[in-house]
Amino acid sequence: MNSFINFLPLHANKHPDKTAIIFNDKRFSYRMLNSRVNKLSNAFNALGVSKGDRVAILLHNGNEIVESVYACAKIGAVSISLNFRLVGRELVYILDDSDASVIIYGQEFIEIIDSIRAKLDKTKNFILVSEEENCSNILSYEAFINAHSAEEPQISISLEDESSIIYTSGTTGKPKGVVRTHRANLWASLNQILEMGHQAKDIEMYVVPLFNVGFFNYFTPNIIVGATVVVSRQFDPVNVLKNIEEEKVNRIFMVPIMWNRLMSEMGNHDYDVSSLNVASSGAASCPLSVKKTMEAFFPGIQIWEAYGLSEGGVTLLHPKDSIRKIGSVGKPTATNEARVVDDHGNDVKQDQIGEIIFRGPSLMKEYYKNFQATRDAFKQGWLHTGDLAKVDEDGFIYVVDRKKDMIVSGGENIYPKEIEEILFSHPKIFEAAVIGIPDEKWGESVMAVVVLKAGEHLTSEEVISFCKENLAGYKKPKFVEFVDALPTNPSGKVVKHELKSQFAKV
């Protein structure tokens, strides 16, 4: 097998009537899903999309995003799944940087796409997922699919061919395109299967966004083994409970804040959740109190914790160690290697802090059109994450800081530099620093510490509103503090730990 896509037609032939995806009131058998993917692949070809071309996808969770990623992969096109919370300025940058010639988008994004179309030089084909009548210069997704053959595309795909680009913000403040090959995406899935034991009888519910690397870590493993996936458009605790009962869901992956909300809701309802036996958590450390509550609500539950990157490299904390090694992210998955090293590349001693580095077949190929960032990330074949960690006496890894300044709020990674660049563009702001402060609900909240130009005045609300106009909503500051000057070291660099110490209890 040379790609994750090979398993879809395999199961369509072996188990054609088995349910592959459940989404709202729609059920797609393996035969039906494969047929729709083939039609979309052939439709892309008819549109002029060929091997290596880029197709952007701006959709909420649903069968269409799954079909689009698989259809691109079948013809060797490269899918670029976009964060649906991005604003126009951010979308323009990514669409231009990625060289996307096509974009598939949902009805709820019509306004934002219409507002940026004139700014797009490379994106010329627009495909709309909508039940309503469409404009003449926009293709209807369903009509686009149904006008073409369900025959398997006859295009040779190799493990080294590019499969997807996932954009992730970096310390420069501008998003970087993580280029993932078919090899990387296949092994991301196989590692999870080897570690977590996915089976054809599984029914997994997927509620986290499908636009990130979780698609290959948690969705495609189910298709590879021939299981069933219940896809939720978005996280809603009542809907999750309802689906667990009605569909007999036995596996689910969520971030800690989702688990918290789910269990808070359970006290108000009486759903039968006895089928759930595998609970996975990631994106942030799962507190002991949350794990204990999970065990109380779901007797006998297996709790897995994951740590990973869009660039590749994943660790898992197995259920048997979930409480014994609280705070740990476990050990690297089957074909990954992980080390924690000092600044000279030497393995750190027990309980000393160093940087996590990874090596293995699930790692990215490169940052798209960014040679310098790629060279900085890879050293002697090892991916340097920038994340700080320590290792205990048994080799278990503990993440100390998810990158030096990165903020993790509600499972979303937020990079202060990007927000700071927006703040610096305000005509009344002289300097600004963005930090994360503890938040019981979200893990961390974004705070902007602002120095105004002499004689100028701004309110916190005005600063937040300005950021909201230029950034996705989850990135905007929740708090703003005004100071006369920012603390700096002798080199003139802002000393953020002093700001965190000062404002942590605000």
Protein backbone atom coordinates (compact mmCIF):
# COMPACT_ATOMS: atom_id res chain seq x y z
CA MET A 1 0.00 0.00 0.00
CA ASN A 2 1.42 3.40 -0.95
CA SER A 3 -1.22 5.69 0.52
CA PHE A 4 -4.02 5.97 3.06
CA ILE A 5 -6.40 6.28 0.08
CA ASN A 6 -5.92 2.65 -1.01
CA PHE A 7 -8.02 1.33 1.85
CA LEU A 8 -11.22 3.12 0.82
CA PRO A 9 -11.71 1.19 -2.48
CA LEU A 10 -10.48 -1.95 -0.70
CA HIS A 11 -13.35 -1.83 1.79
CA ALA A 12 -15.77 -0.62 -0.89
CA ASN A 13 -15.11 -3.93 -2.65
CA LYS A 14 -14.91 -6.20 0.39
CA HIS A 15 -17.65 -4.64 2.56
CA PRO A 16 -19.61 -2.37 0.18
CA ASP A 17 -22.70 -1.98 2.36
CA LYS A 18 -20.94 -1.33 5.65
CA THR A 19 -21.40 2.21 6.96
CA ALA A 20 -18.25 4.29 6.64
CA ILE A 21 -19.51 7.73 7.73
CA ILE A 22 -22.54 9.01 9.59
CA PHE A 23 -23.10 12.76 9.35
CA ASN A 24 -26.33 14.29 10.63
CA ASP A 25 -29.12 12.28 9.00
CA LYS A 26 -26.90 10.98 6.19
CA ARG A 27 -25.23 7.59 6.11
CA PHE A 28 -22.54 6.72 3.59
CA SER A 29 -21.61 3.11 2.94
CA TYR A 30 -18.06 2.35 1.87
CA ARG A 31 -19.31 1.82 -1.68
CA MET A 32 -21.18 5.14 -1.68
CA LEU A 33 -18.31 7.09 -0.15
CA ASN A 34 -15.78 5.66 -2.60
CA SER A 35 -18.12 6.39 -5.51
CA ARG A 36 -18.53 10.02 -4.47
CA VAL A 37 -14.78 10.41 -3.97
CA ASN A 38 -14.14 8.98 -7.44
CA LYS A 39 -16.69 11.30 -9.02
CA LEU A 40 -15.06 14.29 -7.32
CA SER A 41 -11.59 13.12 -8.41
CA ASN A 42 -12.74 12.86 -12.02
CA ALA A 43 -14.50 16.22 -11.75
CA PHE A 44 -11.22 17.78 -10.59
CA ASN A 45 -9.46 16.27 -13.59
CA ALA A 46 -12.11 17.65 -15.94
CA LEU A 47 -11.60 21.07 -14.37
CA GLY A 48 -7.90 20.87 -15.18
CA VAL A 49 -6.63 19.88 -11.74
CA SER A 50 -3.70 17.53 -12.19
CA LYS A 51 -1.05 15.86 -10.09
CA GLY A 52 0.71 18.37 -7.84
CA ASP A 53 -1.96 21.07 -8.13
CA ARG A 54 -3.29 22.64 -4.94
CA VAL A 55 -6.94 22.53 -3.83
CA ALA A 56 -8.02 24.59 -0.83
CA ILE A 57 -10.89 23.44 1.40
CA LEU A 58 -12.83 25.82 3.65
CA LEU A 59 -15.50 23.68 5.29
CA HIS A 60 -16.86 22.72 8.66
CA ASN A 61 -16.80 19.04 9.54
CA GLY A 62 -18.92 16.91 7.24
CA ASN A 63 -18.77 14.33 4.49
CA GLU A 64 -17.66 16.98 1.98
CA ILE A 65 -14.33 17.71 3.67
CA VAL A 66 -13.60 13.97 3.86
CA GLU A 67 -14.51 13.50 0.20
CA SER A 68 -12.40 16.48 -0.85
CA VAL A 69 -9.22 15.31 0.93
CA TYR A 70 -9.58 11.77 -0.42
CA ALA A 71 -10.44 12.96 -3.96
CA CYS A 72 -7.35 15.16 -4.09
CA ALA A 73 -5.18 12.31 -2.85
CA LYS A 74 -6.52 9.88 -5.49
CA ILE A 75 -5.35 12.10 -8.36
CA GLY A 76 -2.14 13.29 -6.71
CA ALA A 77 -3.45 16.79 -6.05
CA VAL A 78 -2.50 18.46 -2.76
CA SER A 79 -5.29 19.33 -0.32
CA ILE A 80 -5.04 22.46 1.81
CA SER A 81 -7.63 22.32 4.59
CA LEU A 82 -8.18 25.81 5.98
CA ASN A 83 -9.05 26.81 9.52
CA PHE A 84 -12.65 28.03 9.20
CA ARG A 85 -12.06 30.65 11.89
CA LEU A 86 -9.59 32.66 9.83
CA VAL A 87 -10.47 36.16 8.63
CA GLY A 88 -10.14 37.48 5.08
CA ARG A 89 -6.60 38.81 5.40
CA GLU A 90 -5.36 35.47 6.71
CA LEU A 91 -7.16 33.49 4.00
CA VAL A 92 -5.73 35.68 1.25
CA TYR A 93 -2.20 35.08 2.51
CA ILE A 94 -2.58 31.30 2.71
CA LEU A 95 -4.38 30.93 -0.64
CA ASP A 96 -1.69 32.98 -2.34
CA ASP A 97 1.23 31.33 -0.53
CA SER A 98 -0.06 27.82 -1.21
CA ASP A 99 -0.68 28.43 -4.95
CA ALA A 100 -4.21 27.04 -4.60
CA SER A 101 -6.00 27.08 -7.96
CA VAL A 102 -9.31 25.81 -6.57
CA ILE A 103 -11.25 26.43 -3.39
CA ILE A 104 -14.18 24.41 -2.08
CA TYR A 105 -16.16 26.32 0.52
CA GLY A 106 -19.41 26.16 2.44
CA GLN A 107 -22.43 28.42 2.20
CA GLU A 108 -21.55 30.07 5.52
CA PHE A 109 -18.33 31.38 3.95
CA ILE A 110 -19.90 33.04 0.89
CA GLU A 111 -19.57 36.54 2.31
CA ILE A 112 -15.90 36.23 3.28
CA ILE A 113 -14.94 34.57 -0.02
CA ASP A 114 -16.82 37.22 -2.01
CA SER A 115 -14.95 39.92 -0.07
CA ILE A 116 -11.50 38.54 -1.00
CA ARG A 117 -12.04 37.19 -4.54
CA ALA A 118 -10.64 40.28 -6.21
CA LYS A 119 -7.45 39.92 -4.15
CA LEU A 120 -6.79 36.33 -5.23
CA ASP A 121 -4.36 36.03 -8.13
CA LYS A 122 -4.00 32.26 -8.24
CA THR A 123 -7.36 30.90 -7.10
CA LYS A 124 -9.61 30.88 -10.18
CA ASN A 125 -12.11 28.07 -9.56
CA PHE A 126 -14.73 28.29 -6.83
CA ILE A 127 -16.87 25.32 -5.76
CA LEU A 128 -19.70 25.98 -3.34
CA VAL A 129 -21.25 23.44 -0.99
CA SER A 130 -24.83 24.71 -0.79
CA GLU A 131 -28.39 23.57 -1.38
CA GLU A 132 -29.34 26.96 -2.79
CA GLU A 133 -29.16 28.29 -6.36
CA ASN A 134 -25.63 29.37 -7.24
CA CYS A 135 -24.17 32.16 -9.30
CA SER A 136 -23.01 31.34 -12.83
CA ASN A 137 -19.34 31.79 -11.99
CA ILE A 138 -19.48 29.40 -9.02
CA LEU A 139 -19.71 25.62 -9.34
CA SER A 140 -22.20 23.66 -7.25
CA TYR A 141 -20.46 20.90 -5.30
CA GLU A 142 -23.19 18.29 -5.78
CA ALA A 143 -23.71 19.12 -9.46
CA PHE A 144 -19.94 19.09 -9.93
CA ILE A 145 -19.73 15.58 -8.47
CA ASN A 146 -22.78 14.11 -10.18
CA ALA A 147 -21.71 15.18 -13.66
CA HIS A 148 -18.75 12.81 -13.65
CA SER A 149 -17.89 9.12 -13.66
CA ALA A 150 -17.50 6.95 -10.56
CA GLU A 151 -14.64 5.01 -12.17
CA GLU A 152 -11.42 4.73 -10.19
CA PRO A 153 -8.89 7.35 -11.34
CA GLN A 154 -5.91 5.68 -12.98
CA ILE A 155 -3.16 7.87 -11.60
CA SER A 156 0.01 6.49 -10.09
CA ILE A 157 0.69 7.70 -6.55
CA SER A 158 3.98 7.13 -4.73
CA LEU A 159 4.78 7.41 -1.06
CA GLU A 160 6.97 10.44 -1.73
CA ASP A 161 4.25 12.41 -3.55
CA GLU A 162 2.91 15.42 -1.69
CA SER A 163 -0.50 14.79 -0.17
CA SER A 164 -1.47 17.78 1.97
CA ILE A 165 -0.36 21.15 3.28
CA ILE A 166 -1.41 22.19 6.76
CA TYR A 167 -0.80 25.79 7.69
CA THR A 168 0.47 26.43 11.18
CA SER A 169 1.62 29.73 12.62
CA GLY A 170 5.26 30.12 13.53
CA THR A 171 7.35 32.43 15.63
CA THR A 172 7.67 34.82 12.70
CA GLY A 173 3.96 35.48 12.98
CA LYS A 174 3.20 34.34 9.41
CA PRO A 175 1.67 30.91 8.80
CA LYS A 176 3.96 28.20 7.48
CA GLY A 177 2.75 25.47 5.14
CA VAL A 178 3.59 22.04 6.51
CA VAL A 179 4.02 19.80 3.45
CA ARG A 180 3.04 16.21 4.22
CA THR A 181 3.64 13.34 1.81
CA HIS A 182 1.53 10.24 1.31
CA ARG A 183 4.15 8.39 3.34
CA ALA A 184 3.80 10.79 6.28
CA ASN A 185 0.02 10.66 6.30
CA LEU A 186 -0.09 6.89 5.92
CA TRP A 187 2.31 6.33 8.81
CA ALA A 188 0.55 8.89 10.99
CA SER A 189 -2.49 6.62 10.70
CA LEU A 190 -0.65 3.31 10.98
CA ASN A 191 1.16 4.42 14.13
CA GLN A 192 -2.15 5.09 15.83
CA ILE A 193 -3.55 1.74 14.71
CA LEU A 194 -0.48 -0.12 15.96
CA GLU A 195 -0.60 1.64 19.33
CA MET A 196 -4.33 1.99 19.97
CA GLY A 197 -5.63 -1.16 18.30
CA HIS A 198 -8.33 0.20 15.99
CA GLN A 199 -10.69 -2.51 14.73
CA ALA A 200 -13.33 -2.86 12.02
CA LYS A 201 -16.04 -3.18 14.68
CA ASP A 202 -15.23 0.26 16.13
CA ILE A 203 -17.60 3.19 15.94
CA GLU A 204 -15.64 6.38 16.58
CA MET A 205 -17.09 9.85 16.97
CA TYR A 206 -15.10 12.74 15.53
CA VAL A 207 -15.89 16.20 16.91
CA VAL A 208 -12.60 18.13 16.66
CA PRO A 209 -11.99 20.07 13.42
CA LEU A 210 -10.99 17.95 10.42
CA PHE A 211 -8.81 20.71 8.94
CA ASN A 212 -5.73 19.81 11.01
CA VAL A 213 -3.37 16.85 11.27
CA GLY A 214 -5.89 15.07 13.47
CA PHE A 215 -7.53 14.02 10.19
CA PHE A 216 -4.64 11.59 9.64
CA ASN A 217 -4.06 10.73 13.30
CA TYR A 218 -7.65 10.00 14.28
CA PHE A 219 -10.00 9.92 11.27
CA THR A 220 -8.19 7.92 8.58
CA PRO A 221 -7.17 5.08 10.94
CA ASN A 222 -10.84 4.15 11.09
CA ILE A 223 -11.18 4.04 7.31
CA ILE A 224 -7.99 1.98 7.03
CA VAL A 225 -9.41 -0.76 9.30
CA GLY A 226 -12.94 -0.51 7.87
CA ALA A 227 -14.62 0.98 10.95
CA THR A 228 -17.45 3.53 11.15
CA VAL A 229 -17.01 7.23 11.95
CA VAL A 230 -19.74 9.47 13.32
CA VAL A 231 -18.75 12.96 12.14
CA SER A 232 -20.05 15.92 14.10
CA ARG A 233 -20.17 19.34 12.47
CA GLN A 234 -18.96 20.90 15.69
CA PHE A 235 -18.69 20.09 19.37
CA ASP A 236 -21.98 20.09 21.21
CA PRO A 237 -22.05 18.08 24.45
CA VAL A 238 -25.71 17.08 24.18
CA ASN A 239 -25.20 15.95 20.58
CA VAL A 240 -22.17 13.91 21.64
CA LEU A 241 -24.14 12.17 24.38
CA LYS A 242 -27.06 11.55 22.03
CA ASN A 243 -24.79 10.00 19.40
CA ILE A 244 -22.98 7.81 21.91
CA GLU A 245 -26.33 6.33 22.92
CA GLU A 246 -27.95 6.07 19.48
CA GLU A 247 -24.92 4.91 17.47
CA LYS A 248 -23.26 2.92 20.26
CA VAL A 249 -20.05 4.94 19.89
CA ASN A 250 -17.12 3.20 21.57
CA ARG A 251 -14.25 5.63 20.78
CA ILE A 252 -13.90 9.39 20.82
CA PHE A 253 -11.08 11.96 20.74
CA MET A 254 -11.53 15.39 22.34
CA VAL A 255 -9.44 18.10 23.98
CA PRO A 256 -9.62 18.49 27.79
CA ILE A 257 -12.02 21.44 27.74
CA MET A 258 -14.46 19.36 25.66
CA TRP A 259 -14.26 16.50 28.13
CA ASN A 260 -14.95 18.98 30.92
CA ARG A 261 -18.00 20.38 29.15
CA LEU A 262 -19.28 16.92 28.27
CA MET A 263 -19.16 15.71 31.84
CA SER A 264 -20.75 18.91 33.11
CA GLU A 265 -23.65 18.27 30.76
CA MET A 266 -24.02 14.63 31.75
CA GLY A 267 -25.47 15.63 35.09
CA ASN A 268 -28.47 17.15 33.29
CA HIS A 269 -29.26 14.11 31.13
CA ASP A 270 -29.73 10.39 31.34
CA TYR A 271 -28.13 9.03 28.19
CA ASP A 272 -26.82 5.48 27.97
CA VAL A 273 -23.07 5.90 27.44
CA SER A 274 -22.06 2.38 28.41
CA SER A 275 -20.74 1.66 24.89
CA LEU A 276 -17.89 4.17 25.24
CA ASN A 277 -14.69 2.40 26.24
CA VAL A 278 -11.85 4.38 24.60
CA ALA A 279 -11.36 8.07 25.43
CA SER A 280 -8.52 10.03 23.83
CA SER A 281 -7.37 13.49 24.85
CA GLY A 282 -4.86 15.86 23.32
CA ALA A 283 -3.79 19.44 22.49
CA ALA A 284 -3.26 20.20 26.19
CA SER A 285 -2.47 18.29 29.33
CA CYS A 286 -5.50 16.56 30.83
CA PRO A 287 -5.70 17.40 34.56
CA LEU A 288 -5.97 14.61 37.12
CA SER A 289 -9.35 15.90 38.29
CA VAL A 290 -10.74 15.58 34.75
CA LYS A 291 -9.40 12.03 34.40
CA LYS A 292 -10.93 11.03 37.73
CA THR A 293 -14.30 12.42 36.64
CA MET A 294 -14.03 10.59 33.32
CA GLU A 295 -13.42 7.33 35.17
CA ALA A 296 -16.45 7.98 37.37
CA PHE A 297 -18.79 8.72 34.46
CA PHE A 298 -17.40 6.00 32.18
CA PRO A 299 -16.50 2.96 34.32
CA GLY A 300 -13.71 0.89 32.78
CA ILE A 301 -12.81 3.61 30.26
CA GLN A 302 -9.37 3.52 28.63
CA ILE A 303 -7.89 7.04 28.75
CA TRP A 304 -5.23 7.85 26.16
CA GLU A 305 -3.30 11.12 26.00
CA ALA A 306 -1.53 12.36 22.90
CA TYR A 307 1.05 15.00 22.06
CA GLY A 308 1.97 15.86 18.51
CA LEU A 309 2.59 18.44 15.82
CA SER A 310 1.34 19.22 12.34
CA GLU A 311 4.94 18.65 11.30
CA GLY A 312 4.74 15.07 12.58
CA GLY A 313 5.96 13.13 15.55
CA VAL A 314 3.51 11.87 18.16
CA THR A 315 3.74 10.49 21.66
CA LEU A 316 1.03 8.55 23.47
CA LEU A 317 0.40 7.94 27.15
CA HIS A 318 -1.24 4.52 27.43
CA PRO A 319 -4.25 3.94 29.70
CA LYS A 320 -2.23 1.81 32.15
CA ASP A 321 0.00 4.84 32.79
CA SER A 322 -2.73 7.51 32.69
CA ILE A 323 -2.85 8.08 36.44
CA ARG A 324 0.55 6.64 37.38
CA LYS A 325 2.34 9.11 35.08
CA ILE A 326 0.05 12.09 35.47
CA GLY A 327 1.32 15.10 33.52
CA SER A 328 3.28 12.96 31.07
CA VAL A 329 2.62 12.77 27.32
CA GLY A 330 3.99 9.23 27.28
CA LYS A 331 6.45 7.83 24.77
CA PRO A 332 6.78 8.03 20.96
CA THR A 333 4.43 5.94 18.84
CA ALA A 334 5.51 2.77 17.05
CA THR A 335 7.72 4.10 14.23
CA ASN A 336 8.61 7.45 15.77
CA GLU A 337 11.75 8.16 17.72
CA ALA A 338 11.83 10.99 20.25
CA ARG A 339 14.63 12.49 22.28
CA VAL A 340 14.93 15.42 24.68
CA VAL A 341 18.19 17.25 24.03
CA ASP A 342 20.17 20.24 25.22
CA ASP A 343 21.40 23.11 23.04
CA HIS A 344 24.29 20.97 21.80
CA GLY A 345 22.10 18.07 20.72
CA ASN A 346 23.01 15.83 23.65
CA ASP A 347 20.36 13.87 25.49
CA VAL A 348 19.46 15.56 28.75
CA LYS A 349 19.74 13.76 32.06
CA GLN A 350 16.72 12.64 34.03
CA ASP A 351 14.39 15.53 34.98
CA GLN A 352 16.52 18.12 33.17
CA ILE A 353 14.71 20.36 30.69
CA GLY A 354 15.55 20.23 26.99
CA GLU A 355 13.92 20.35 23.56
CA ILE A 356 11.85 17.50 22.13
CA ILE A 357 13.09 16.26 18.75
CA PHE A 358 11.52 13.60 16.51
CA ARG A 359 12.58 11.24 13.74
CA GLY A 360 10.41 8.86 11.75
CA PRO A 361 8.31 8.28 8.59
CA SER A 362 5.36 10.38 9.76
CA LEU A 363 7.34 13.65 9.67
CA MET A 364 6.66 16.42 7.17
CA LYS A 365 8.70 16.87 4.00
CA GLU A 366 9.30 20.60 4.42
CA TYR A 367 7.75 24.01 5.01
CA TYR A 368 6.31 25.06 1.65
CA LYS A 369 8.51 27.61 -0.14
CA ASN A 370 10.39 28.26 3.10
CA PHE A 371 13.87 26.77 2.81
CA GLN A 372 15.26 28.61 5.83
CA ALA A 373 12.50 27.47 8.18
CA THR A 374 12.89 23.91 6.91
CA ARG A 375 16.64 23.99 7.45
CA ASP A 376 16.14 25.38 10.96
CA ALA A 377 13.62 22.64 11.79
CA PHE A 378 15.67 19.65 10.59
CA LYS A 379 19.11 18.93 11.96
CA GLN A 380 20.80 15.65 11.04
CA GLY A 381 17.41 14.15 10.19
CA TRP A 382 15.77 15.12 13.47
CA LEU A 383 12.81 17.51 13.62
CA HIS A 384 13.37 20.12 16.31
CA THR A 385 10.01 21.06 17.80
CA GLY A 386 10.98 24.05 19.94
CA ASP A 387 8.88 22.49 22.72
CA LEU A 388 10.56 22.10 26.09
CA ALA A 389 10.27 18.88 28.07
CA LYS A 390 11.92 16.57 30.55
CA VAL A 391 12.21 12.78 30.85
CA ASP A 392 11.69 10.71 33.99
CA GLU A 393 13.50 7.59 35.17
CA ASP A 394 11.26 5.35 33.02
CA GLY A 395 11.70 7.34 29.82
CA PHE A 396 8.31 9.07 29.95
CA ILE A 397 8.25 12.57 28.45
CA TYR A 398 6.73 15.59 30.21
CA VAL A 399 6.10 18.76 28.18
CA VAL A 400 7.18 21.78 30.20
CA ASP A 401 6.30 24.55 27.76
CA ARG A 402 4.66 24.20 24.37
CA LYS A 403 7.17 26.43 22.68
CA LYS A 404 8.64 29.33 24.57
CA ASP A 405 5.85 31.81 24.07
CA MET A 406 3.02 29.84 22.50
CA ILE A 407 -0.41 30.11 24.09
CA VAL A 408 -2.78 27.12 24.18
CA SER A 409 -6.36 28.28 24.71
CA GLY A 410 -9.23 25.80 24.46
CA GLY A 411 -7.04 23.43 22.47
CA GLU A 412 -6.04 26.09 19.91
CA ASN A 413 -2.40 27.03 19.45
CA ILE A 414 -1.95 30.81 19.43
CA TYR A 415 1.32 32.52 18.56
CA PRO A 416 1.90 35.92 20.22
CA LYS A 417 4.12 37.28 17.43
CA GLU A 418 1.24 37.22 14.94
CA ILE A 419 -0.98 39.22 17.31
CA GLU A 420 1.86 41.60 18.15
CA GLU A 421 2.34 42.44 14.47
CA ILE A 422 -1.31 43.43 14.24
CA LEU A 423 -1.05 45.54 17.38
CA PHE A 424 2.08 47.26 16.05
CA SER A 425 0.11 48.28 12.95
CA HIS A 426 -2.29 50.36 15.05
CA PRO A 427 -1.43 54.07 14.66
CA LYS A 428 -1.74 54.75 18.39
CA ILE A 429 0.33 51.83 19.68
CA PHE A 430 4.05 52.24 20.28
CA GLU A 431 4.93 48.79 21.64
CA ALA A 432 3.07 45.65 22.56
CA ALA A 433 3.70 42.20 23.95
CA VAL A 434 1.29 39.30 24.03
CA ILE A 435 1.34 36.66 26.75
CA GLY A 436 -0.78 33.78 27.95
CA ILE A 437 -2.23 33.95 31.45
CA PRO A 438 -3.82 31.04 33.35
CA ASP A 439 -7.53 30.51 32.73
CA GLU A 440 -9.45 27.80 34.64
CA LYS A 441 -11.89 27.30 31.74
CA TRP A 442 -9.67 27.63 28.65
CA GLY A 443 -6.26 26.65 30.02
CA GLU A 444 -4.82 30.00 28.99
CA SER A 445 -6.22 33.32 27.83
CA VAL A 446 -4.56 35.89 25.60
CA MET A 447 -3.43 39.14 27.19
CA ALA A 448 -2.01 42.12 25.32
CA VAL A 449 0.32 44.43 27.23
CA VAL A 450 0.35 47.74 25.37
CA VAL A 451 2.47 50.90 25.40
CA LEU A 452 0.71 53.82 23.71
CA LYS A 453 2.38 56.56 21.72
CA ALA A 454 2.80 59.81 23.61
CA GLY A 455 -0.45 61.74 23.95
CA GLU A 456 -2.62 58.92 22.57
CA HIS A 457 -5.53 57.18 24.27
CA LEU A 458 -7.16 53.80 23.68
CA THR A 459 -9.54 51.63 25.64
CA SER A 460 -9.21 47.89 26.10
CA GLU A 461 -12.38 47.42 24.05
CA GLU A 462 -10.90 49.37 21.13
CA VAL A 463 -7.73 47.26 21.13
CA ILE A 464 -9.71 44.02 21.23
CA SER A 465 -12.03 45.21 18.46
CA PHE A 466 -9.05 46.14 16.26
CA CYS A 467 -7.57 42.68 16.70
CA LYS A 468 -10.91 41.03 15.98
CA GLU A 469 -11.05 42.82 12.62
CA ASN A 470 -7.66 41.43 11.60
CA LEU A 471 -7.44 38.03 13.26
CA ALA A 472 -9.52 34.93 13.81
CA GLY A 473 -11.69 35.40 16.89
CA TYR A 474 -9.88 32.85 19.04
CA LYS A 475 -6.60 34.79 18.63
CA LYS A 476 -7.84 38.17 19.83
CA PRO A 477 -6.83 39.29 23.34
CA LYS A 478 -9.30 38.67 26.12
CA PHE A 479 -7.49 41.13 28.38
CA VAL A 480 -5.52 44.33 27.70
CA GLU A 481 -3.21 46.09 30.12
CA PHE A 482 -1.62 49.47 29.45
CA VAL A 483 1.90 50.17 30.77
CA ASP A 484 4.44 52.94 30.41
CA ALA A 485 7.21 50.62 29.22
CA LEU A 486 7.87 46.94 28.60
CA PRO A 487 10.59 45.14 30.58
CA THR A 488 13.58 44.33 28.37
CA ASN A 489 16.92 42.58 28.73
CA PRO A 490 20.27 44.18 27.78
CA SER A 491 19.71 43.13 24.15
CA GLY A 492 16.43 45.01 24.03
CA LYS A 493 14.29 41.87 23.97
CA VAL A 494 11.07 41.92 25.96
CA VAL A 495 11.30 39.75 29.06
CA LYS A 496 7.92 38.07 28.91
CA HIS A 497 8.27 35.99 32.05
CA GLU A 498 8.26 39.27 34.02
CA LEU A 499 4.98 40.24 32.37
CA LYS A 500 3.51 36.83 33.13
CA SER A 501 4.60 37.13 36.75
CA GLN A 502 3.05 40.59 37.00
CA PHE A 503 -0.27 39.88 35.32
CA ALA A 504 -0.85 36.15 35.93
CA LYS A 505 -3.48 36.83 38.61
CA VAL A 506 -5.41 39.50 36.68
